[in-house]
Structure formats: C-alpha cells, structure tokens
Amino acid sequence: MAVDAVLRLQGSTNLSYIHIIKIAGGSIRDSFLSDGFIMEKTISVGCPRKMTDCKIMCANTPMDYDKIKIYGTKVKVDSMDKVAEIE
C-alpha cells in the first residue's frame, strides 16, 4: 500500500499529499488505499442514512453559526450598538 501511495503521486516528492487516517478498533486487514477524499461523519439521530443527488461542500472550518470567523472583512458602524448587533 505504501508503494502504491507513493506511485500515485506521479513523480511529486511532496509526501504531505499522503494522509494516514487511524480509526480505533480497526485491524491491519481493514486498511485500504483510497482514490480521492474520505470524510468521516457521525450520523445524528433522525438524519437520513442515505442521500441521492446531493451536493457536498468541503470546508476547513467548523460550520457552527456562532463560531464562523470571516477574516479580512471590514464593516463601518456609527455606534457600539451596531457592533453588538453584528457580533
């Protein structure tokens, strides 16, 4: 698997493109090499277990609305009440 992973880099020497994901409780026989992107997500109670024709967004930030930070944005306000409203 390690040789196949390096060969898939197609001549690139950047080994940071290879990611090893360790999952507790798995054995060496559960290991596999995947083409593409792997996303592990726990399904909540009441959520559908299978979806078809869906669109997927990959983001590197938490999607909780109260934790989203937008860097480099400028907002002009004329009072501290407006600042509190934006926050």
PDB file of N, CA and C in Angstrom:
ATOM      1  N   MET A   1       0.819  -1.198   0.000  1.00  0.00           N
ATOM      2  CA  MET A   1       0.000   0.000   0.000  1.00  0.00           C
ATOM      3  C   MET A   1       0.858   1.257   0.000  1.00  0.00           C
ATOM      4  N   ALA A   2       1.953   1.223   0.757  1.00  0.00           N
ATOM      5  CA  ALA A   2       2.814   2.400   0.828  1.00  0.00           C
ATOM      6  C   ALA A   2       3.440   2.700  -0.533  1.00  0.00           C
ATOM      7  N   VAL A   3       3.879   1.662  -1.231  1.00  0.00           N
ATOM      8  CA  VAL A   3       4.471   1.849  -2.557  1.00  0.00           C
ATOM      9  C   VAL A   3       3.424   2.382  -3.532  1.00  0.00           C
ATOM     10  N   ASP A   4       2.216   1.828  -3.487  1.00  0.00           N
ATOM     11  CA  ASP A   4       1.141   2.302  -4.366  1.00  0.00           C
ATOM     12  C   ASP A   4       0.805   3.764  -4.090  1.00  0.00           C
ATOM     13  N   ALA A   5       0.820   4.158  -2.815  1.00  0.00           N
ATOM     14  CA  ALA A   5       0.519   5.549  -2.461  1.00  0.00           C
ATOM     15  C   ALA A   5       1.567   6.491  -3.041  1.00  0.00           C
ATOM     16  N   VAL A   6       2.839   6.126  -2.946  1.00  0.00           N
ATOM     17  CA  VAL A   6       3.906   6.968  -3.485  1.00  0.00           C
ATOM     18  C   VAL A   6       3.838   7.007  -5.012  1.00  0.00           C
ATOM     19  N   LEU A   7       3.536   5.886  -5.644  1.00  0.00           N
ATOM     20  CA  LEU A   7       3.433   5.860  -7.099  1.00  0.00           C
ATOM     21  C   LEU A   7       2.278   6.721  -7.612  1.00  0.00           C
ATOM     22  N   ARG A   8       1.233   6.879  -6.809  1.00  0.00           N
ATOM     23  CA  ARG A   8       0.101   7.717  -7.211  1.00  0.00           C
ATOM     24  C   ARG A   8       0.437   9.203  -7.195  1.00  0.00           C
ATOM     25  N   LEU A   9       1.566   9.564  -6.584  1.00  0.00           N
ATOM     26  CA  LEU A   9       1.986  10.974  -6.586  1.00  0.00           C
ATOM     27  C   LEU A   9       2.503  11.398  -7.962  1.00  0.00           C
ATOM     28  N   GLN A  10       2.727  10.454  -8.842  1.00  0.00           N
ATOM     29  CA  GLN A  10       3.144  10.697 -10.222  1.00  0.00           C
ATOM     30  C   GLN A  10       4.389  11.585 -10.319  1.00  0.00           C
ATOM     31  N   GLY A  11       5.420  11.239  -9.562  1.00  0.00           N
ATOM     32  CA  GLY A  11       6.690  11.940  -9.645  1.00  0.00           C
ATOM     33  C   GLY A  11       6.860  13.072  -8.654  1.00  0.00           C
ATOM     34  N   SER A  12       5.812  13.493  -7.997  1.00  0.00           N
ATOM     35  CA  SER A  12       5.919  14.554  -6.996  1.00  0.00           C
ATOM     36  C   SER A  12       6.644  14.009  -5.770  1.00  0.00           C
ATOM     37  N   THR A  13       7.442  14.852  -5.132  1.00  0.00           N
ATOM     38  CA  THR A  13       8.164  14.420  -3.931  1.00  0.00           C
ATOM     39  C   THR A  13       7.509  14.928  -2.658  1.00  0.00           C
ATOM     40  N   ASN A  14       6.337  15.525  -2.755  1.00  0.00           N
ATOM     41  CA  ASN A  14       5.641  16.072  -1.596  1.00  0.00           C
ATOM     42  C   ASN A  14       4.826  14.967  -0.925  1.00  0.00           C
ATOM     43  N   LEU A  15       5.395  14.361   0.104  1.00  0.00           N
ATOM     44  CA  LEU A  15       4.725  13.265   0.801  1.00  0.00           C
ATOM     45  C   LEU A  15       3.579  13.726   1.683  1.00  0.00           C
ATOM     46  N   SER A  16       3.409  15.041   1.840  1.00  0.00           N
ATOM     47  CA  SER A  16       2.286  15.531   2.653  1.00  0.00           C
ATOM     48  C   SER A  16       0.947  15.324   1.945  1.00  0.00           C
ATOM     49  N   TYR A  17       0.990  14.926   0.663  1.00  0.00           N
ATOM     50  CA  TYR A  17      -0.248  14.604  -0.048  1.00  0.00           C
ATOM     51  C   TYR A  17      -0.823  13.259   0.399  1.00  0.00           C
ATOM     52  N   ILE A  18      -0.013  12.463   1.072  1.00  0.00           N
ATOM     53  CA  ILE A  18      -0.462  11.159   1.567  1.00  0.00           C
ATOM     54  C   ILE A  18      -0.876  11.323   3.023  1.00  0.00           C
ATOM     55  N   HIS A  19      -2.114  10.987   3.317  1.00  0.00           N
ATOM     56  CA  HIS A  19      -2.625  11.092   4.682  1.00  0.00           C
ATOM     57  C   HIS A  19      -2.999   9.706   5.179  1.00  0.00           C
ATOM     58  N   ILE A  20      -2.632   9.430   6.413  1.00  0.00           N
ATOM     59  CA  ILE A  20      -2.980   8.162   7.045  1.00  0.00           C
ATOM     60  C   ILE A  20      -4.030   8.463   8.104  1.00  0.00           C
ATOM     61  N   ILE A  21      -5.161   7.828   7.973  1.00  0.00           N
ATOM     62  CA  ILE A  21      -6.260   8.036   8.915  1.00  0.00           C
ATOM     63  C   ILE A  21      -6.336   6.804   9.809  1.00  0.00           C
ATOM     64  N   LYS A  22      -6.184   6.996  11.103  1.00  0.00           N
ATOM     65  CA  LYS A  22      -6.226   5.894  12.055  1.00  0.00           C
ATOM     66  C   LYS A  22      -7.594   5.891  12.730  1.00  0.00           C
ATOM     67  N   ILE A  23      -8.228   4.731  12.741  1.00  0.00           N
ATOM     68  CA  ILE A  23      -9.538   4.595  13.369  1.00  0.00           C
ATOM     69  C   ILE A  23      -9.417   3.549  14.468  1.00  0.00           C
ATOM     70  N   ALA A  24      -9.856   3.902  15.655  1.00  0.00           N
ATOM     71  CA  ALA A  24      -9.763   2.996  16.795  1.00  0.00           C
ATOM     72  C   ALA A  24     -10.632   1.760  16.556  1.00  0.00           C
ATOM     73  N   GLY A  25     -10.093   0.623  16.920  1.00  0.00           N
ATOM     74  CA  GLY A  25     -10.846  -0.622  16.805  1.00  0.00           C
ATOM     75  C   GLY A  25     -10.638  -1.354  15.499  1.00  0.00           C
ATOM     76  N   GLY A  26      -9.944  -0.757  14.558  1.00  0.00           N
ATOM     77  CA  GLY A  26      -9.700  -1.414  13.273  1.00  0.00           C
ATOM     78  C   GLY A  26      -8.489  -2.320  13.339  1.00  0.00           C
ATOM     79  N   SER A  27      -8.391  -3.227  12.382  1.00  0.00           N
ATOM     80  CA  SER A  27      -7.230  -4.107  12.307  1.00  0.00           C
ATOM     81  C   SER A  27      -6.466  -3.798  11.021  1.00  0.00           C
ATOM     82  N   ILE A  28      -5.296  -4.402  10.853  1.00  0.00           N
ATOM     83  CA  ILE A  28      -4.482  -4.183   9.664  1.00  0.00           C
ATOM     84  C   ILE A  28      -5.205  -4.677   8.414  1.00  0.00           C
ATOM     85  N   ARG A  29      -6.071  -5.656   8.562  1.00  0.00           N
ATOM     86  CA  ARG A  29      -6.829  -6.180   7.421  1.00  0.00           C
ATOM     87  C   ARG A  29      -7.916  -5.211   6.957  1.00  0.00           C
ATOM     88  N   ASP A  30      -8.270  -4.257   7.782  1.00  0.00           N
ATOM     89  CA  ASP A  30      -9.268  -3.246   7.400  1.00  0.00           C
ATOM     90  C   ASP A  30      -8.649  -2.113   6.592  1.00  0.00           C
ATOM     91  N   SER A  31      -7.328  -2.084   6.472  1.00  0.00           N
ATOM     92  CA  SER A  31      -6.634  -0.993   5.787  1.00  0.00           C
ATOM     93  C   SER A  31      -6.893  -1.028   4.290  1.00  0.00           C
ATOM     94  N   PHE A  32      -6.975   0.163   3.687  1.00  0.00           N
ATOM     95  CA  PHE A  32      -7.143   0.258   2.238  1.00  0.00           C
ATOM     96  C   PHE A  32      -6.602   1.592   1.750  1.00  0.00           C
ATOM     97  N   LEU A  33      -6.297   1.660   0.479  1.00  0.00           N
ATOM     98  CA  LEU A  33      -5.816   2.872  -0.168  1.00  0.00           C
ATOM     99  C   LEU A  33      -6.961   3.416  -1.005  1.00  0.00           C
ATOM    100  N   SER A  34      -7.295   4.671  -0.802  1.00  0.00           N
ATOM    101  CA  SER A  34      -8.458   5.255  -1.469  1.00  0.00           C
ATOM    102  C   SER A  34      -8.041   6.343  -2.441  1.00  0.00           C
ATOM    103  N   ASP A  35      -8.675   6.384  -3.592  1.00  0.00           N
ATOM    104  CA  ASP A  35      -8.524   7.500  -4.527  1.00  0.00           C
ATOM    105  C   ASP A  35      -9.494   8.582  -4.096  1.00  0.00           C
ATOM    106  N   GLY A  36      -9.003   9.772  -3.867  1.00  0.00           N
ATOM    107  CA  GLY A  36      -9.912  10.872  -3.577  1.00  0.00           C
ATOM    108  C   GLY A  36      -9.956  11.254  -2.125  1.00  0.00           C
ATOM    109  N   PHE A  37     -11.115  11.684  -1.712  1.00  0.00           N
ATOM    110  CA  PHE A  37     -11.330  12.331  -0.424  1.00  0.00           C
ATOM    111  C   PHE A  37     -12.161  11.430   0.472  1.00  0.00           C
ATOM    112  N   ILE A  38     -11.739  11.266   1.724  1.00  0.00           N
ATOM    113  CA  ILE A  38     -12.501  10.479   2.695  1.00  0.00           C
ATOM    114  C   ILE A  38     -12.994  11.422   3.784  1.00  0.00           C
ATOM    115  N   MET A  39     -14.268  11.350   4.051  1.00  0.00           N
ATOM    116  CA  MET A  39     -14.846  12.191   5.095  1.00  0.00           C
ATOM    117  C   MET A  39     -15.571  11.283   6.082  1.00  0.00           C
ATOM    118  N   GLU A  40     -15.194  11.383   7.337  1.00  0.00           N
ATOM    119  CA  GLU A  40     -15.832  10.580   8.371  1.00  0.00           C
ATOM    120  C   GLU A  40     -16.767  11.480   9.158  1.00  0.00           C
ATOM    121  N   LYS A  41     -18.015  11.130   9.213  1.00  0.00           N
ATOM    122  CA  LYS A  41     -19.003  11.949   9.908  1.00  0.00           C
ATOM    123  C   LYS A  41     -19.965  11.036  10.636  1.00  0.00           C
ATOM    124  N   THR A  42     -20.211  11.309  11.899  1.00  0.00           N
ATOM    125  CA  THR A  42     -21.176  10.556  12.672  1.00  0.00           C
ATOM    126  C   THR A  42     -22.580  11.022  12.302  1.00  0.00           C
ATOM    127  N   ILE A  43     -23.451  10.099  12.032  1.00  0.00           N
ATOM    128  CA  ILE A  43     -24.823  10.439  11.656  1.00  0.00           C
ATOM    129  C   ILE A  43     -25.634  10.633  12.921  1.00  0.00           C
ATOM    130  N   SER A  44     -26.289  11.777  13.041  1.00  0.00           N
ATOM    131  CA  SER A  44     -27.093  12.095  14.217  1.00  0.00           C
ATOM    132  C   SER A  44     -28.423  11.353  14.171  1.00  0.00           C
ATOM    133  N   VAL A  45     -29.091  11.345  15.298  1.00  0.00           N
ATOM    134  CA  VAL A  45     -30.401  10.709  15.394  1.00  0.00           C
ATOM    135  C   VAL A  45     -31.398  11.487  14.545  1.00  0.00           C
ATOM    136  N   GLY A  46     -32.159  10.798  13.743  1.00  0.00           N
ATOM    137  CA  GLY A  46     -33.185  11.430  12.928  1.00  0.00           C
ATOM    138  C   GLY A  46     -32.698  11.891  11.561  1.00  0.00           C
ATOM    139  N   CYS A  47     -31.409  11.770  11.270  1.00  0.00           N
ATOM    140  CA  CYS A  47     -30.875  12.180   9.968  1.00  0.00           C
ATOM    141  C   CYS A  47     -30.992  11.017   8.986  1.00  0.00           C
ATOM    142  N   PRO A  48     -31.163  11.335   7.706  1.00  0.00           N
ATOM    143  CA  PRO A  48     -31.238  10.250   6.724  1.00  0.00           C
ATOM    144  C   PRO A  48     -29.903   9.517   6.610  1.00  0.00           C
ATOM    145  N   ARG A  49     -29.953   8.220   6.432  1.00  0.00           N
ATOM    146  CA  ARG A  49     -28.734   7.416   6.328  1.00  0.00           C
ATOM    147  C   ARG A  49     -28.256   7.301   4.893  1.00  0.00           C
ATOM    148  N   LYS A  50     -29.098   7.612   3.928  1.00  0.00           N
ATOM    149  CA  LYS A  50     -28.718   7.532   2.533  1.00  0.00           C
ATOM    150  C   LYS A  50     -29.301   8.730   1.799  1.00  0.00           C
ATOM    151  N   MET A  51     -28.476   9.365   0.948  1.00  0.00           N
ATOM    152  CA  MET A  51     -28.926  10.513   0.171  1.00  0.00           C
ATOM    153  C   MET A  51     -28.522  10.299  -1.280  1.00  0.00           C
ATOM    154  N   THR A  52     -29.350  10.751  -2.208  1.00  0.00           N
ATOM    155  CA  THR A  52     -29.017  10.672  -3.622  1.00  0.00           C
ATOM    156  C   THR A  52     -29.090  12.058  -4.231  1.00  0.00           C
ATOM    157  N   ASP A  53     -28.306  12.273  -5.275  1.00  0.00           N
ATOM    158  CA  ASP A  53     -28.251  13.560  -5.989  1.00  0.00           C
ATOM    159  C   ASP A  53     -27.989  14.731  -5.040  1.00  0.00           C
ATOM    160  N   CYS A  54     -27.069  14.546  -4.099  1.00  0.00           N
ATOM    161  CA  CYS A  54     -26.787  15.607  -3.139  1.00  0.00           C
ATOM    162  C   CYS A  54     -25.540  16.384  -3.562  1.00  0.00           C
ATOM    163  N   LYS A  55     -25.407  17.581  -3.036  1.00  0.00           N
ATOM    164  CA  LYS A  55     -24.229  18.409  -3.284  1.00  0.00           C
ATOM    165  C   LYS A  55     -23.413  18.425  -2.001  1.00  0.00           C
ATOM    166  N   ILE A  56     -22.099  18.321  -2.140  1.00  0.00           N
ATOM    167  CA  ILE A  56     -21.215  18.233  -0.980  1.00  0.00           C
ATOM    168  C   ILE A  56     -20.271  19.419  -0.973  1.00  0.00           C
ATOM    169  N   MET A  57     -20.145  20.065   0.185  1.00  0.00           N
ATOM    170  CA  MET A  57     -19.193  21.150   0.352  1.00  0.00           C
ATOM    171  C   MET A  57     -18.119  20.687   1.334  1.00  0.00           C
ATOM    172  N   CYS A  58     -16.878  20.843   0.966  1.00  0.00           N
ATOM    173  CA  CYS A  58     -15.761  20.515   1.851  1.00  0.00           C
ATOM    174  C   CYS A  58     -15.205  21.821   2.392  1.00  0.00           C
ATOM    175  N   ALA A  59     -15.208  21.979   3.700  1.00  0.00           N
ATOM    176  CA  ALA A  59     -14.737  23.212   4.321  1.00  0.00           C
ATOM    177  C   ALA A  59     -13.728  22.863   5.406  1.00  0.00           C
ATOM    178  N   ASN A  60     -12.803  23.771   5.631  1.00  0.00           N
ATOM    179  CA  ASN A  60     -11.800  23.535   6.673  1.00  0.00           C
ATOM    180  C   ASN A  60     -12.087  24.380   7.900  1.00  0.00           C
ATOM    181  N   THR A  61     -13.343  24.698   8.144  1.00  0.00           N
ATOM    182  CA  THR A  61     -13.746  25.479   9.312  1.00  0.00           C
ATOM    183  C   THR A  61     -15.015  24.866   9.884  1.00  0.00           C
ATOM    184  N   PRO A  62     -15.235  24.955  11.183  1.00  0.00           N
ATOM    185  CA  PRO A  62     -16.479  24.447  11.748  1.00  0.00           C
ATOM    186  C   PRO A  62     -17.675  25.208  11.171  1.00  0.00           C
ATOM    187  N   MET A  63     -18.771  24.533  10.983  1.00  0.00           N
ATOM    188  CA  MET A  63     -19.941  25.161  10.381  1.00  0.00           C
ATOM    189  C   MET A  63     -20.958  25.620  11.422  1.00  0.00           C
ATOM    190  N   ASP A  64     -20.568  25.650  12.697  1.00  0.00           N
ATOM    191  CA  ASP A  64     -21.461  26.186  13.729  1.00  0.00           C
ATOM    192  C   ASP A  64     -21.616  27.673  13.506  1.00  0.00           C
ATOM    193  N   TYR A  65     -22.838  28.158  13.445  1.00  0.00           N
ATOM    194  CA  TYR A  65     -23.062  29.555  13.092  1.00  0.00           C
ATOM    195  C   TYR A  65     -22.461  30.525  14.097  1.00  0.00           C
ATOM    196  N   ASP A  66     -22.314  30.104  15.336  1.00  0.00           N
ATOM    197  CA  ASP A  66     -21.772  31.022  16.336  1.00  0.00           C
ATOM    198  C   ASP A  66     -20.245  31.018  16.365  1.00  0.00           C
ATOM    199  N   LYS A  67     -19.584  30.175  15.562  1.00  0.00           N
ATOM    200  CA  LYS A  67     -18.134  30.087  15.594  1.00  0.00           C
ATOM    201  C   LYS A  67     -17.481  30.478  14.266  1.00  0.00           C
ATOM    202  N   ILE A  68     -18.266  30.876  13.282  1.00  0.00           N
ATOM    203  CA  ILE A  68     -17.705  31.223  11.981  1.00  0.00           C
ATOM    204  C   ILE A  68     -16.987  32.568  12.083  1.00  0.00           C
ATOM    205  N   LYS A  69     -15.762  32.600  11.600  1.00  0.00           N
ATOM    206  CA  LYS A  69     -14.980  33.832  11.599  1.00  0.00           C
ATOM    207  C   LYS A  69     -14.663  34.191  10.158  1.00  0.00           C
ATOM    208  N   ILE A  70     -14.904  35.428   9.800  1.00  0.00           N
ATOM    209  CA  ILE A  70     -14.599  35.893   8.456  1.00  0.00           C
ATOM    210  C   ILE A  70     -13.446  36.876   8.587  1.00  0.00           C
ATOM    211  N   TYR A  71     -12.278  36.465   8.092  1.00  0.00           N
ATOM    212  CA  TYR A  71     -11.090  37.295   8.214  1.00  0.00           C
ATOM    213  C   TYR A  71     -10.988  38.246   7.027  1.00  0.00           C
ATOM    214  N   GLY A  72     -10.501  39.450   7.287  1.00  0.00           N
ATOM    215  CA  GLY A  72     -10.279  40.417   6.226  1.00  0.00           C
ATOM    216  C   GLY A  72     -11.517  41.204   5.836  1.00  0.00           C
ATOM    217  N   THR A  73     -12.591  41.078   6.584  1.00  0.00           N
ATOM    218  CA  THR A  73     -13.823  41.792   6.271  1.00  0.00           C
ATOM    219  C   THR A  73     -13.850  43.098   7.039  1.00  0.00           C
ATOM    220  N   LYS A  74     -14.262  44.177   6.387  1.00  0.00           N
ATOM    221  CA  LYS A  74     -14.375  45.476   7.033  1.00  0.00           C
ATOM    222  C   LYS A  74     -15.833  45.898   7.085  1.00  0.00           C
ATOM    223  N   VAL A  75     -16.249  46.372   8.242  1.00  0.00           N
ATOM    224  CA  VAL A  75     -17.613  46.848   8.426  1.00  0.00           C
ATOM    225  C   VAL A  75     -17.537  48.201   9.114  1.00  0.00           C
ATOM    226  N   LYS A  76     -18.238  49.200   8.575  1.00  0.00           N
ATOM    227  CA  LYS A  76     -18.267  50.524   9.198  1.00  0.00           C
ATOM    228  C   LYS A  76     -19.584  50.689   9.942  1.00  0.00           C
ATOM    229  N   VAL A  77     -19.474  51.089  11.206  1.00  0.00           N
ATOM    230  CA  VAL A  77     -20.665  51.330  12.025  1.00  0.00           C
ATOM    231  C   VAL A  77     -20.517  52.676  12.710  1.00  0.00           C
ATOM    232  N   ASP A  78     -21.638  53.223  13.162  1.00  0.00           N
ATOM    233  CA  ASP A  78     -21.598  54.537  13.807  1.00  0.00           C
ATOM    234  C   ASP A  78     -21.907  54.469  15.300  1.00  0.00           C
ATOM    235  N   SER A  79     -22.106  53.268  15.841  1.00  0.00           N
ATOM    236  CA  SER A  79     -22.345  53.163  17.280  1.00  0.00           C
ATOM    237  C   SER A  79     -21.937  51.782  17.774  1.00  0.00           C
ATOM    238  N   MET A  80     -21.732  51.676  19.078  1.00  0.00           N
ATOM    239  CA  MET A  80     -21.370  50.396  19.672  1.00  0.00           C
ATOM    240  C   MET A  80     -22.546  49.429  19.649  1.00  0.00           C
ATOM    241  N   ASP A  81     -23.761  49.942  19.603  1.00  0.00           N
ATOM    242  CA  ASP A  81     -24.931  49.075  19.497  1.00  0.00           C
ATOM    243  C   ASP A  81     -24.906  48.286  18.192  1.00  0.00           C
ATOM    244  N   LYS A  82     -24.470  48.916  17.121  1.00  0.00           N
ATOM    245  CA  LYS A  82     -24.377  48.243  15.821  1.00  0.00           C
ATOM    246  C   LYS A  82     -23.302  47.144  15.874  1.00  0.00           C
ATOM    247  N   VAL A  83     -22.203  47.407  16.578  1.00  0.00           N
ATOM    248  CA  VAL A  83     -21.146  46.409  16.722  1.00  0.00           C
ATOM    249  C   VAL A  83     -21.706  45.185  17.463  1.00  0.00           C
ATOM    250  N   ALA A  84     -22.431  45.426  18.544  1.00  0.00           N
ATOM    251  CA  ALA A  84     -23.036  44.331  19.302  1.00  0.00           C
ATOM    252  C   ALA A  84     -24.042  43.573  18.439  1.00  0.00           C
ATOM    253  N   GLU A  85     -24.763  44.280  17.605  1.00  0.00           N
ATOM    254  CA  GLU A  85     -25.738  43.650  16.707  1.00  0.00           C
ATOM    255  C   GLU A  85     -25.052  42.740  15.694  1.00  0.00           C
ATOM    256  N   ILE A  86     -23.916  43.170  15.169  1.00  0.00           N
ATOM    257  CA  ILE A  86     -23.167  42.376  14.199  1.00  0.00           C
ATOM    258  C   ILE A  86     -22.574  41.139  14.869  1.00  0.00           C
ATOM    259  N   GLU A  87     -22.044  41.323  16.083  1.00  0.00           N
ATOM    260  CA  GLU A  87     -21.452  40.183  16.801  1.00  0.00           C
ATOM    261  C   GLU A  87     -22.509  39.152  17.099  1.00  0.00           C
TER     262      GLU A  87
END
